[in-house]
PDB file of N, CA and C in Angstrom:
ATOM      1  N   UNK A   1      22.468  26.623  60.935  1.00  0.00           N
ATOM      2  CA  UNK A   1      21.222  26.070  60.701  1.00  0.00           C
ATOM      3  C   UNK A   1      20.721  25.802  62.154  1.00  0.00           C
ATOM      4  N   UNK A   2      19.605  26.380  62.500  1.00  0.00           N
ATOM      5  CA  UNK A   2      18.813  26.249  63.784  1.00  0.00           C
ATOM      6  C   UNK A   2      18.476  24.775  63.761  1.00  0.00           C
ATOM      7  N   UNK A   3      18.577  23.946  64.992  1.00  0.00           N
ATOM      8  CA  UNK A   3      18.267  22.660  65.154  1.00  0.00           C
ATOM      9  C   UNK A   3      16.944  22.612  65.861  1.00  0.00           C
ATOM     10  N   UNK A   4      16.041  21.888  65.291  1.00  0.00           N
ATOM     11  CA  UNK A   4      14.663  21.583  65.907  1.00  0.00           C
ATOM     12  C   UNK A   4      14.914  20.928  67.260  1.00  0.00           C
ATOM     13  N   UNK A   5      13.826  21.175  68.173  1.00  0.00           N
ATOM     14  CA  UNK A   5      13.725  20.259  69.374  1.00  0.00           C
ATOM     15  C   UNK A   5      13.418  18.963  69.027  1.00  0.00           C
ATOM     16  N   UNK A   6      13.645  17.825  69.849  1.00  0.00           N
ATOM     17  CA  UNK A   6      13.263  16.505  69.634  1.00  0.00           C
ATOM     18  C   UNK A   6      14.087  15.614  68.783  1.00  0.00           C
ATOM     19  N   UNK A   7      15.331  16.094  68.487  1.00  0.00           N
ATOM     20  CA  UNK A   7      16.284  15.099  67.653  1.00  0.00           C
ATOM     21  C   UNK A   7      16.692  14.132  68.493  1.00  0.00           C
ATOM     22  N   UNK A   8      16.927  12.896  67.954  1.00  0.00           N
ATOM     23  CA  UNK A   8      17.783  11.902  68.581  1.00  0.00           C
ATOM     24  C   UNK A   8      19.190  12.567  69.195  1.00  0.00           C
ATOM     25  N   UNK A   9      19.559  11.903  70.346  1.00  0.00           N
ATOM     26  CA  UNK A   9      20.809  12.483  70.767  1.00  0.00           C
ATOM     27  C   UNK A   9      21.930  12.142  69.802  1.00  0.00           C
ATOM     28  N   UNK A  10      21.867  10.989  69.233  1.00  0.00           N
ATOM     29  CA  UNK A  10      22.888  10.601  68.135  1.00  0.00           C
ATOM     30  C   UNK A  10      22.771  11.542  67.023  1.00  0.00           C
ATOM     31  N   UNK A  11      21.616  12.073  66.621  1.00  0.00           N
ATOM     32  CA  UNK A  11      21.471  12.961  65.461  1.00  0.00           C
ATOM     33  C   UNK A  11      22.393  14.270  65.876  1.00  0.00           C
ATOM     34  N   UNK A  12      22.209  14.699  67.120  1.00  0.00           N
ATOM     35  CA  UNK A  12      22.841  15.869  67.413  1.00  0.00           C
ATOM     36  C   UNK A  12      24.311  15.549  67.398  1.00  0.00           C
ATOM     37  N   UNK A  13      24.794  14.376  67.776  1.00  0.00           N
ATOM     38  CA  UNK A  13      26.284  14.134  67.714  1.00  0.00           C
ATOM     39  C   UNK A  13      26.701  14.213  66.400  1.00  0.00           C
ATOM     40  N   UNK A  14      25.886  13.656  65.451  1.00  0.00           N
ATOM     41  CA  UNK A  14      26.272  13.631  63.936  1.00  0.00           C
ATOM     42  C   UNK A  14      26.357  15.255  63.336  1.00  0.00           C
ATOM     43  N   UNK A  15      25.366  15.937  63.892  1.00  0.00           N
ATOM     44  CA  UNK A  15      25.464  17.314  63.334  1.00  0.00           C
ATOM     45  C   UNK A  15      26.564  18.006  63.891  1.00  0.00           C
ATOM     46  N   UNK A  16      26.984  17.765  65.074  1.00  0.00           N
ATOM     47  CA  UNK A  16      28.170  18.213  65.576  1.00  0.00           C
ATOM     48  C   UNK A  16      29.370  17.903  64.747  1.00  0.00           C
ATOM     49  N   UNK A  17      29.510  16.630  64.371  1.00  0.00           N
ATOM     50  CA  UNK A  17      30.646  16.031  63.670  1.00  0.00           C
ATOM     51  C   UNK A  17      30.611  16.779  62.082  1.00  0.00           C
ATOM     52  N   UNK A  18      29.461  16.814  61.591  1.00  0.00           N
ATOM     53  CA  UNK A  18      29.303  17.346  60.274  1.00  0.00           C
ATOM     54  C   UNK A  18      29.733  19.012  60.347  1.00  0.00           C
ATOM     55  N   UNK A  19      29.475  19.651  61.393  1.00  0.00           N
ATOM     56  CA  UNK A  19      30.125  21.094  61.449  1.00  0.00           C
ATOM     57  C   UNK A  19      31.573  21.003  61.685  1.00  0.00           C
ATOM     58  N   UNK A  20      32.126  19.988  62.528  1.00  0.00           N
ATOM     59  CA  UNK A  20      33.672  20.017  62.612  1.00  0.00           C
ATOM     60  C   UNK A  20      34.392  19.734  61.276  1.00  0.00           C
ATOM     61  N   UNK A  21      33.641  18.923  60.307  1.00  0.00           N
ATOM     62  CA  UNK A  21      34.195  18.668  59.007  1.00  0.00           C
ATOM     63  C   UNK A  21      34.140  20.013  58.213  1.00  0.00           C
ATOM     64  N   UNK A  22      33.298  20.938  58.665  1.00  0.00           N
ATOM     65  CA  UNK A  22      33.129  22.263  57.833  1.00  0.00           C
ATOM     66  C   UNK A  22      32.009  22.275  56.876  1.00  0.00           C
ATOM     67  N   UNK A  23      30.968  21.471  57.020  1.00  0.00           N
ATOM     68  CA  UNK A  23      29.868  21.251  56.317  1.00  0.00           C
ATOM     69  C   UNK A  23      28.577  21.612  57.175  1.00  0.00           C
ATOM     70  N   UNK A  24      27.401  21.555  56.579  1.00  0.00           N
ATOM     71  CA  UNK A  24      26.239  21.725  57.347  1.00  0.00           C
ATOM     72  C   UNK A  24      25.067  21.094  56.596  1.00  0.00           C
ATOM     73  N   UNK A  25      24.014  20.615  57.251  1.00  0.00           N
ATOM     74  CA  UNK A  25      22.710  20.182  56.709  1.00  0.00           C
ATOM     75  C   UNK A  25      22.106  21.403  56.212  1.00  0.00           C
ATOM     76  N   UNK A  26      21.372  21.340  55.112  1.00  0.00           N
ATOM     77  CA  UNK A  26      20.747  22.445  54.649  1.00  0.00           C
ATOM     78  C   UNK A  26      19.366  22.670  55.298  1.00  0.00           C
ATOM     79  N   UNK A  27      18.781  21.526  55.749  1.00  0.00           N
ATOM     80  CA  UNK A  27      17.487  21.499  56.484  1.00  0.00           C
ATOM     81  C   UNK A  27      17.469  20.444  57.416  1.00  0.00           C
ATOM     82  N   UNK A  28      16.816  20.548  58.667  1.00  0.00           N
ATOM     83  CA  UNK A  28      16.862  19.437  59.581  1.00  0.00           C
ATOM     84  C   UNK A  28      15.353  19.264  60.004  1.00  0.00           C
ATOM     85  N   UNK A  29      15.068  17.940  60.049  1.00  0.00           N
ATOM     86  CA  UNK A  29      13.535  17.635  60.526  1.00  0.00           C
ATOM     87  C   UNK A  29      13.764  16.475  61.690  1.00  0.00           C
ATOM     88  N   UNK A  30      13.099  16.834  62.717  1.00  0.00           N
ATOM     89  CA  UNK A  30      13.104  15.742  63.998  1.00  0.00           C
ATOM     90  C   UNK A  30      12.031  14.934  63.729  1.00  0.00           C
ATOM     91  N   UNK A  31      12.240  13.672  64.108  1.00  0.00           N
ATOM     92  CA  UNK A  31      11.128  12.686  64.268  1.00  0.00           C
ATOM     93  C   UNK A  31       9.931  13.242  64.966  1.00  0.00           C
ATOM     94  N   UNK A  32       8.768  12.554  64.698  1.00  0.00           N
ATOM     95  CA  UNK A  32       7.569  12.804  65.549  1.00  0.00           C
ATOM     96  C   UNK A  32       7.860  12.407  66.969  1.00  0.00           C
ATOM     97  N   UNK A  33       7.478  13.499  67.861  1.00  0.00           N
ATOM     98  CA  UNK A  33       7.681  13.243  69.285  1.00  0.00           C
ATOM     99  C   UNK A  33       7.159  11.952  69.722  1.00  0.00           C
ATOM    100  N   UNK A  34       6.034  11.427  69.356  1.00  0.00           N
ATOM    101  CA  UNK A  34       5.425  10.276  69.869  1.00  0.00           C
ATOM    102  C   UNK A  34       5.965   8.938  69.339  1.00  0.00           C
ATOM    103  N   UNK A  35       6.774   9.088  68.211  1.00  0.00           N
ATOM    104  CA  UNK A  35       7.267   7.821  67.546  1.00  0.00           C
ATOM    105  C   UNK A  35       8.506   7.495  67.971  1.00  0.00           C
ATOM    106  N   UNK A  36       8.690   6.357  68.766  1.00  0.00           N
ATOM    107  CA  UNK A  36       9.943   6.025  69.594  1.00  0.00           C
ATOM    108  C   UNK A  36      10.725   5.411  68.428  1.00  0.00           C
ATOM    109  N   UNK A  37      10.445   5.147  67.224  1.00  0.00           N
ATOM    110  CA  UNK A  37      11.385   4.673  66.292  1.00  0.00           C
ATOM    111  C   UNK A  37      11.278   5.428  64.971  1.00  0.00           C
ATOM    112  N   UNK A  38      10.900   6.551  65.058  1.00  0.00           N
ATOM    113  CA  UNK A  38      10.943   7.591  63.965  1.00  0.00           C
ATOM    114  C   UNK A  38      12.236   8.017  63.525  1.00  0.00           C
ATOM    115  N   UNK A  39      12.274   8.604  62.406  1.00  0.00           N
ATOM    116  CA  UNK A  39      13.526   9.026  61.706  1.00  0.00           C
ATOM    117  C   UNK A  39      13.728  10.610  61.808  1.00  0.00           C
ATOM    118  N   UNK A  40      15.079  10.997  62.029  1.00  0.00           N
ATOM    119  CA  UNK A  40      15.263  12.366  61.830  1.00  0.00           C
ATOM    120  C   UNK A  40      15.842  12.604  60.397  1.00  0.00           C
ATOM    121  N   UNK A  41      15.656  13.671  59.654  1.00  0.00           N
ATOM    122  CA  UNK A  41      16.038  13.906  58.346  1.00  0.00           C
ATOM    123  C   UNK A  41      17.018  15.167  58.361  1.00  0.00           C
ATOM    124  N   UNK A  42      18.297  14.731  57.736  1.00  0.00           N
ATOM    125  CA  UNK A  42      19.234  15.859  57.568  1.00  0.00           C
ATOM    126  C   UNK A  42      19.354  16.029  56.002  1.00  0.00           C
ATOM    127  N   UNK A  43      18.943  17.118  55.532  1.00  0.00           N
ATOM    128  CA  UNK A  43      18.594  17.314  54.080  1.00  0.00           C
ATOM    129  C   UNK A  43      20.178  17.808  53.557  1.00  0.00           C
ATOM    130  N   UNK A  44      20.584  17.281  52.525  1.00  0.00           N
ATOM    131  CA  UNK A  44      21.931  17.713  51.820  1.00  0.00           C
ATOM    132  C   UNK A  44      21.676  18.441  50.501  1.00  0.00           C
ATOM    133  N   UNK A  45      20.412  18.173  49.926  1.00  0.00           N
ATOM    134  CA  UNK A  45      20.035  18.919  48.764  1.00  0.00           C
ATOM    135  C   UNK A  45      18.689  19.287  48.730  1.00  0.00           C
ATOM    136  N   UNK A  46      18.374  20.510  48.489  1.00  0.00           N
ATOM    137  CA  UNK A  46      16.968  20.951  48.371  1.00  0.00           C
ATOM    138  C   UNK A  46      16.737  21.478  46.934  1.00  0.00           C
ATOM    139  N   UNK A  47      15.570  21.007  46.324  1.00  0.00           N
ATOM    140  CA  UNK A  47      15.155  21.242  44.921  1.00  0.00           C
ATOM    141  C   UNK A  47      13.763  21.955  44.888  1.00  0.00           C
ATOM    142  N   UNK A  48      13.714  23.339  45.448  1.00  0.00           N
ATOM    143  CA  UNK A  48      12.516  23.888  45.246  1.00  0.00           C
ATOM    144  C   UNK A  48      12.055  24.240  43.892  1.00  0.00           C
ATOM    145  N   UNK A  49      13.014  24.102  42.971  1.00  0.00           N
ATOM    146  CA  UNK A  49      12.688  24.525  41.478  1.00  0.00           C
ATOM    147  C   UNK A  49      12.063  23.393  40.760  1.00  0.00           C
ATOM    148  N   UNK A  50      12.102  22.121  41.378  1.00  0.00           N
ATOM    149  CA  UNK A  50      11.593  21.029  40.701  1.00  0.00           C
ATOM    150  C   UNK A  50      10.133  20.724  41.257  1.00  0.00           C
ATOM    151  N   UNK A  51       9.400  20.321  40.230  1.00  0.00           N
ATOM    152  CA  UNK A  51       7.983  20.267  40.461  1.00  0.00           C
ATOM    153  C   UNK A  51       7.629  18.991  41.327  1.00  0.00           C
ATOM    154  N   UNK A  52       8.505  17.797  41.112  1.00  0.00           N
ATOM    155  CA  UNK A  52       8.224  16.511  41.521  1.00  0.00           C
ATOM    156  C   UNK A  52       9.166  16.186  42.742  1.00  0.00           C
ATOM    157  N   UNK A  53      10.184  16.843  43.121  1.00  0.00           N
ATOM    158  CA  UNK A  53      11.001  16.419  44.187  1.00  0.00           C
ATOM    159  C   UNK A  53      11.225  17.704  44.950  1.00  0.00           C
ATOM    160  N   UNK A  54      11.496  17.437  46.253  1.00  0.00           N
ATOM    161  CA  UNK A  54      11.804  18.402  47.301  1.00  0.00           C
ATOM    162  C   UNK A  54      13.281  18.310  47.751  1.00  0.00           C
ATOM    163  N   UNK A  55      13.996  17.183  47.356  1.00  0.00           N
ATOM    164  CA  UNK A  55      15.325  17.056  47.410  1.00  0.00           C
ATOM    165  C   UNK A  55      15.709  15.948  48.010  1.00  0.00           C
ATOM    166  N   UNK A  56      17.057  15.811  48.577  1.00  0.00           N
ATOM    167  CA  UNK A  56      17.516  14.524  49.123  1.00  0.00           C
ATOM    168  C   UNK A  56      18.066  14.643  50.395  1.00  0.00           C
ATOM    169  N   UNK A  57      17.972  13.622  51.172  1.00  0.00           N
ATOM    170  CA  UNK A  57      18.391  13.681  52.674  1.00  0.00           C
ATOM    171  C   UNK A  57      19.143  12.381  52.902  1.00  0.00           C
ATOM    172  N   UNK A  58      19.565  12.467  54.286  1.00  0.00           N
ATOM    173  CA  UNK A  58      19.963  11.359  54.965  1.00  0.00           C
ATOM    174  C   UNK A  58      18.943  11.121  56.207  1.00  0.00           C
ATOM    175  N   UNK A  59      18.555   9.854  56.451  1.00  0.00           N
ATOM    176  CA  UNK A  59      17.524   9.731  57.627  1.00  0.00           C
ATOM    177  C   UNK A  59      18.321   8.866  58.566  1.00  0.00           C
ATOM    178  N   UNK A  60      18.069   9.223  59.849  1.00  0.00           N
ATOM    179  CA  UNK A  60      18.720   8.558  61.055  1.00  0.00           C
ATOM    180  C   UNK A  60      17.470   7.977  61.734  1.00  0.00           C
ATOM    181  N   UNK A  61      17.531   6.538  61.736  1.00  0.00           N
ATOM    182  CA  UNK A  61      16.538   5.868  62.589  1.00  0.00           C
ATOM    183  C   UNK A  61      17.019   5.238  63.732  1.00  0.00           C
ATOM    184  N   UNK A  62      16.170   5.195  64.648  1.00  0.00           N
ATOM    185  CA  UNK A  62      16.478   4.667  65.964  1.00  0.00           C
ATOM    186  C   UNK A  62      15.635   3.588  66.397  1.00  0.00           C
ATOM    187  N   UNK A  63      16.358   2.349  66.746  1.00  0.00           N
ATOM    188  CA  UNK A  63      15.457   1.119  67.127  1.00  0.00           C
ATOM    189  C   UNK A  63      16.524   0.470  68.279  1.00  0.00           C
ATOM    190  N   UNK A  64      15.766   0.438  69.373  1.00  0.00           N
ATOM    191  CA  UNK A  64      16.345  -0.283  70.628  1.00  0.00           C
ATOM    192  C   UNK A  64      17.726   0.239  70.988  1.00  0.00           C
ATOM    193  N   UNK A  65      17.783   1.577  70.793  1.00  0.00           N
ATOM    194  CA  UNK A  65      19.032   2.191  71.211  1.00  0.00           C
ATOM    195  C   UNK A  65      20.113   2.205  70.182  1.00  0.00           C
ATOM    196  N   UNK A  66      19.928   1.636  69.046  1.00  0.00           N
ATOM    197  CA  UNK A  66      20.911   1.409  68.067  1.00  0.00           C
ATOM    198  C   UNK A  66      20.379   2.306  66.790  1.00  0.00           C
ATOM    199  N   UNK A  67      21.404   2.834  65.946  1.00  0.00           N
ATOM    200  CA  UNK A  67      20.874   3.762  64.976  1.00  0.00           C
ATOM    201  C   UNK A  67      21.319   3.172  63.495  1.00  0.00           C
ATOM    202  N   UNK A  68      20.558   3.577  62.624  1.00  0.00           N
ATOM    203  CA  UNK A  68      20.857   3.123  61.345  1.00  0.00           C
ATOM    204  C   UNK A  68      20.568   4.537  60.235  1.00  0.00           C
ATOM    205  N   UNK A  69      21.281   4.581  59.187  1.00  0.00           N
ATOM    206  CA  UNK A  69      20.977   5.695  58.208  1.00  0.00           C
ATOM    207  C   UNK A  69      20.641   5.087  56.838  1.00  0.00           C
ATOM    208  N   UNK A  70      20.019   5.993  56.201  1.00  0.00           N
ATOM    209  CA  UNK A  70      19.838   5.721  54.684  1.00  0.00           C
ATOM    210  C   UNK A  70      19.788   7.138  54.049  1.00  0.00           C
ATOM    211  N   UNK A  71      20.006   6.954  52.770  1.00  0.00           N
ATOM    212  CA  UNK A  71      19.718   8.164  51.903  1.00  0.00           C
ATOM    213  C   UNK A  71      18.360   8.080  51.182  1.00  0.00           C
ATOM    214  N   UNK A  72      17.825   9.129  50.805  1.00  0.00           N
ATOM    215  CA  UNK A  72      16.509   9.160  50.128  1.00  0.00           C
ATOM    216  C   UNK A  72      16.194  10.348  49.480  1.00  0.00           C
ATOM    217  N   UNK A  73      15.025  10.418  48.760  1.00  0.00           N
ATOM    218  CA  UNK A  73      14.526  11.472  48.144  1.00  0.00           C
ATOM    219  C   UNK A  73      13.194  11.711  48.358  1.00  0.00           C
ATOM    220  N   UNK A  74      12.736  12.911  48.806  1.00  0.00           N
ATOM    221  CA  UNK A  74      11.512  13.179  49.102  1.00  0.00           C
ATOM    222  C   UNK A  74      10.668  13.797  47.700  1.00  0.00           C
ATOM    223  N   UNK A  75       9.686  12.978  47.408  1.00  0.00           N
ATOM    224  CA  UNK A  75       8.871  13.230  46.175  1.00  0.00           C
ATOM    225  C   UNK A  75       7.673  14.027  46.643  1.00  0.00           C
ATOM    226  N   UNK A  76       7.337  14.935  45.736  1.00  0.00           N
ATOM    227  CA  UNK A  76       5.936  15.766  46.094  1.00  0.00           C
ATOM    228  C   UNK A  76       4.784  14.889  45.909  1.00  0.00           C
ATOM    229  N   UNK A  77       4.737  13.578  45.538  1.00  0.00           N
ATOM    230  CA  UNK A  77       3.686  12.607  45.638  1.00  0.00           C
ATOM    231  C   UNK A  77       4.345  11.293  45.352  1.00  0.00           C
ATOM    232  N   UNK A  78       3.671  10.274  46.015  1.00  0.00           N
ATOM    233  CA  UNK A  78       4.141   9.065  45.785  1.00  0.00           C
ATOM    234  C   UNK A  78       5.008   8.519  46.777  1.00  0.00           C
ATOM    235  N   UNK A  79       5.284   9.222  47.910  1.00  0.00           N
ATOM    236  CA  UNK A  79       6.224   8.714  48.862  1.00  0.00           C
ATOM    237  C   UNK A  79       7.646   9.027  48.791  1.00  0.00           C
ATOM    238  N   UNK A  80       8.374   8.589  49.694  1.00  0.00           N
ATOM    239  CA  UNK A  80       9.698   8.710  49.749  1.00  0.00           C
ATOM    240  C   UNK A  80      10.750   7.533  49.286  1.00  0.00           C
ATOM    241  N   UNK A  81      11.208   7.598  48.132  1.00  0.00           N
ATOM    242  CA  UNK A  81      12.116   6.253  47.865  1.00  0.00           C
ATOM    243  C   UNK A  81      13.529   6.386  48.538  1.00  0.00           C
ATOM    244  N   UNK A  82      13.841   5.412  49.141  1.00  0.00           N
ATOM    245  CA  UNK A  82      15.133   5.397  49.738  1.00  0.00           C
ATOM    246  C   UNK A  82      16.226   4.375  49.177  1.00  0.00           C
ATOM    247  N   UNK A  83      17.206   4.408  49.381  1.00  0.00           N
ATOM    248  CA  UNK A  83      18.263   3.314  48.978  1.00  0.00           C
ATOM    249  C   UNK A  83      19.252   2.962  49.884  1.00  0.00           C
ATOM    250  N   UNK A  84      19.900   1.726  49.714  1.00  0.00           N
ATOM    251  CA  UNK A  84      20.662   1.275  50.871  1.00  0.00           C
ATOM    252  C   UNK A  84      22.057   1.736  50.827  1.00  0.00           C
ATOM    253  N   UNK A  85      22.513   2.935  50.764  1.00  0.00           N
ATOM    254  CA  UNK A  85      23.621   3.292  51.013  1.00  0.00           C
ATOM    255  C   UNK A  85      24.163   3.753  52.411  1.00  0.00           C
ATOM    256  N   UNK A  86      23.241   3.293  53.461  1.00  0.00           N
ATOM    257  CA  UNK A  86      23.493   3.653  54.690  1.00  0.00           C
ATOM    258  C   UNK A  86      24.312   2.855  55.573  1.00  0.00           C
ATOM    259  N   UNK A  87      24.325   3.201  56.814  1.00  0.00           N
ATOM    260  CA  UNK A  87      25.042   2.329  57.906  1.00  0.00           C
ATOM    261  C   UNK A  87      23.999   1.653  58.964  1.00  0.00           C
ATOM    262  N   UNK A  88      24.184   0.580  59.390  1.00  0.00           N
ATOM    263  CA  UNK A  88      23.222   0.046  60.212  1.00  0.00           C
ATOM    264  C   UNK A  88      23.660  -0.554  61.684  1.00  0.00           C
ATOM    265  N   UNK A  89      22.793  -0.326  62.550  1.00  0.00           N
ATOM    266  CA  UNK A  89      22.977  -0.933  63.826  1.00  0.00           C
ATOM    267  C   UNK A  89      24.196  -0.305  64.567  1.00  0.00           C
ATOM    268  N   UNK A  90      24.203   0.937  64.540  1.00  0.00           N
ATOM    269  CA  UNK A  90      25.326   1.734  65.225  1.00  0.00           C
ATOM    270  C   UNK A  90      25.059   2.041  66.742  1.00  0.00           C
ATOM    271  N   UNK A  91      25.943   1.911  67.610  1.00  0.00           N
ATOM    272  CA  UNK A  91      25.967   2.432  68.842  1.00  0.00           C
ATOM    273  C   UNK A  91      26.155   3.964  68.817  1.00  0.00           C
ATOM    274  N   UNK A  92      25.455   4.650  69.699  1.00  0.00           N
ATOM    275  CA  UNK A  92      25.644   6.095  69.691  1.00  0.00           C
ATOM    276  C   UNK A  92      26.925   6.662  70.362  1.00  0.00           C
ATOM    277  N   UNK A  93      28.042   6.358  69.508  1.00  0.00           N
ATOM    278  CA  UNK A  93      29.304   6.868  70.068  1.00  0.00           C
ATOM    279  C   UNK A  93      29.581   8.030  69.290  1.00  0.00           C
ATOM    280  N   UNK A  94      30.869   8.758  69.747  1.00  0.00           N
ATOM    281  CA  UNK A  94      31.443   9.758  68.892  1.00  0.00           C
ATOM    282  C   UNK A  94      32.057   9.269  67.717  1.00  0.00           C
ATOM    283  N   UNK A  95      32.729   8.062  67.608  1.00  0.00           N
ATOM    284  CA  UNK A  95      33.292   7.673  66.602  1.00  0.00           C
ATOM    285  C   UNK A  95      32.260   7.216  65.360  1.00  0.00           C
ATOM    286  N   UNK A  96      31.276   6.645  65.749  1.00  0.00           N
ATOM    287  CA  UNK A  96      30.109   6.282  64.900  1.00  0.00           C
ATOM    288  C   UNK A  96      29.456   7.630  64.353  1.00  0.00           C
ATOM    289  N   UNK A  97      29.353   8.642  65.108  1.00  0.00           N
ATOM    290  CA  UNK A  97      28.735   9.905  64.651  1.00  0.00           C
ATOM    291  C   UNK A  97      29.760  10.612  63.740  1.00  0.00           C
ATOM    292  N   UNK A  98      31.066  10.361  63.854  1.00  0.00           N
ATOM    293  CA  UNK A  98      31.954  10.935  62.920  1.00  0.00           C
ATOM    294  C   UNK A  98      31.893  10.155  61.635  1.00  0.00           C
ATOM    295  N   UNK A  99      31.645   8.820  61.684  1.00  0.00           N
ATOM    296  CA  UNK A  99      31.463   7.899  60.513  1.00  0.00           C
ATOM    297  C   UNK A  99      30.308   8.386  59.748  1.00  0.00           C
ATOM    298  N   UNK A 100      29.177   8.611  60.458  1.00  0.00           N
ATOM    299  CA  UNK A 100      27.917   9.048  59.808  1.00  0.00           C
ATOM    300  C   UNK A 100      28.161  10.515  59.179  1.00  0.00           C
ATOM    301  N   UNK A 101      28.783  11.120  59.883  1.00  0.00           N
ATOM    302  CA  UNK A 101      28.962  12.592  59.360  1.00  0.00           C
ATOM    303  C   UNK A 101      29.750  12.496  57.950  1.00  0.00           C
ATOM    304  N   UNK A 102      30.764  11.690  58.112  1.00  0.00           N
ATOM    305  CA  UNK A 102      31.589  11.573  56.811  1.00  0.00           C
ATOM    306  C   UNK A 102      30.880  11.103  55.840  1.00  0.00           C
ATOM    307  N   UNK A 103      29.972  10.079  55.884  1.00  0.00           N
ATOM    308  CA  UNK A 103      29.076   9.562  54.995  1.00  0.00           C
ATOM    309  C   UNK A 103      28.181  10.684  54.293  1.00  0.00           C
ATOM    310  N   UNK A 104      27.595  11.367  55.262  1.00  0.00           N
ATOM    311  CA  UNK A 104      26.639  12.513  54.766  1.00  0.00           C
ATOM    312  C   UNK A 104      27.628  13.407  53.838  1.00  0.00           C
ATOM    313  N   UNK A 105      28.553  13.879  54.322  1.00  0.00           N
ATOM    314  CA  UNK A 105      29.484  14.813  53.582  1.00  0.00           C
ATOM    315  C   UNK A 105      29.963  14.339  52.304  1.00  0.00           C
ATOM    316  N   UNK A 106      30.445  13.043  52.194  1.00  0.00           N
ATOM    317  CA  UNK A 106      30.854  12.335  50.914  1.00  0.00           C
ATOM    318  C   UNK A 106      29.785  12.122  50.114  1.00  0.00           C
ATOM    319  N   UNK A 107      28.615  11.867  50.491  1.00  0.00           N
ATOM    320  CA  UNK A 107      27.463  11.598  49.550  1.00  0.00           C
ATOM    321  C   UNK A 107      27.065  12.834  48.885  1.00  0.00           C
ATOM    322  N   UNK A 108      26.949  13.959  49.600  1.00  0.00           N
ATOM    323  CA  UNK A 108      26.376  15.008  49.073  1.00  0.00           C
ATOM    324  C   UNK A 108      27.389  15.951  48.347  1.00  0.00           C
ATOM    325  N   UNK A 109      28.606  15.673  48.544  1.00  0.00           N
ATOM    326  CA  UNK A 109      29.765  16.241  47.794  1.00  0.00           C
ATOM    327  C   UNK A 109      29.773  15.569  46.581  1.00  0.00           C
ATOM    328  N   UNK A 110      29.788  14.154  46.401  1.00  0.00           N
ATOM    329  CA  UNK A 110      29.808  13.410  45.256  1.00  0.00           C
ATOM    330  C   UNK A 110      28.516  13.767  44.318  1.00  0.00           C
ATOM    331  N   UNK A 111      27.426  13.852  45.111  1.00  0.00           N
ATOM    332  CA  UNK A 111      26.142  13.986  44.363  1.00  0.00           C
ATOM    333  C   UNK A 111      26.255  15.404  43.743  1.00  0.00           C
ATOM    334  N   UNK A 112      26.753  16.211  44.317  1.00  0.00           N
ATOM    335  CA  UNK A 112      26.795  17.646  43.907  1.00  0.00           C
ATOM    336  C   UNK A 112      27.732  18.041  42.597  1.00  0.00           C
ATOM    337  N   UNK A 113      28.808  17.022  42.761  1.00  0.00           N
ATOM    338  CA  UNK A 113      29.853  17.143  41.551  1.00  0.00           C
ATOM    339  C   UNK A 113      29.284  16.311  40.329  1.00  0.00           C
ATOM    340  N   UNK A 114      28.227  15.456  40.488  1.00  0.00           N
ATOM    341  CA  UNK A 114      27.651  14.669  39.400  1.00  0.00           C
ATOM    342  C   UNK A 114      27.084  15.554  38.284  1.00  0.00           C
TER     343      UNK A 114
END
């Protein structure tokens, strides 16, 4: 999967770790360039066959140099519901990138098996 320009450096580290695990994000969206606290989106499930949902993702948010994650679902209308299965206030280290990558892979593996 080609990576878009403008991803948080920590998001790039997470993607590297996901690839080391032997997995991949199905779609990658970078935060808006002007939004210094915006989220990058790593999609683990795409549902183009559903009328009301585009799929599910992990979002990576940055605030004051620390990163947090959350899982969510993109609705075709009504906004994106997210739930608290994420990690919070992580320093951008390789160890934390590996932790986030494992969470991404575990979530979407379990979700696919359900």
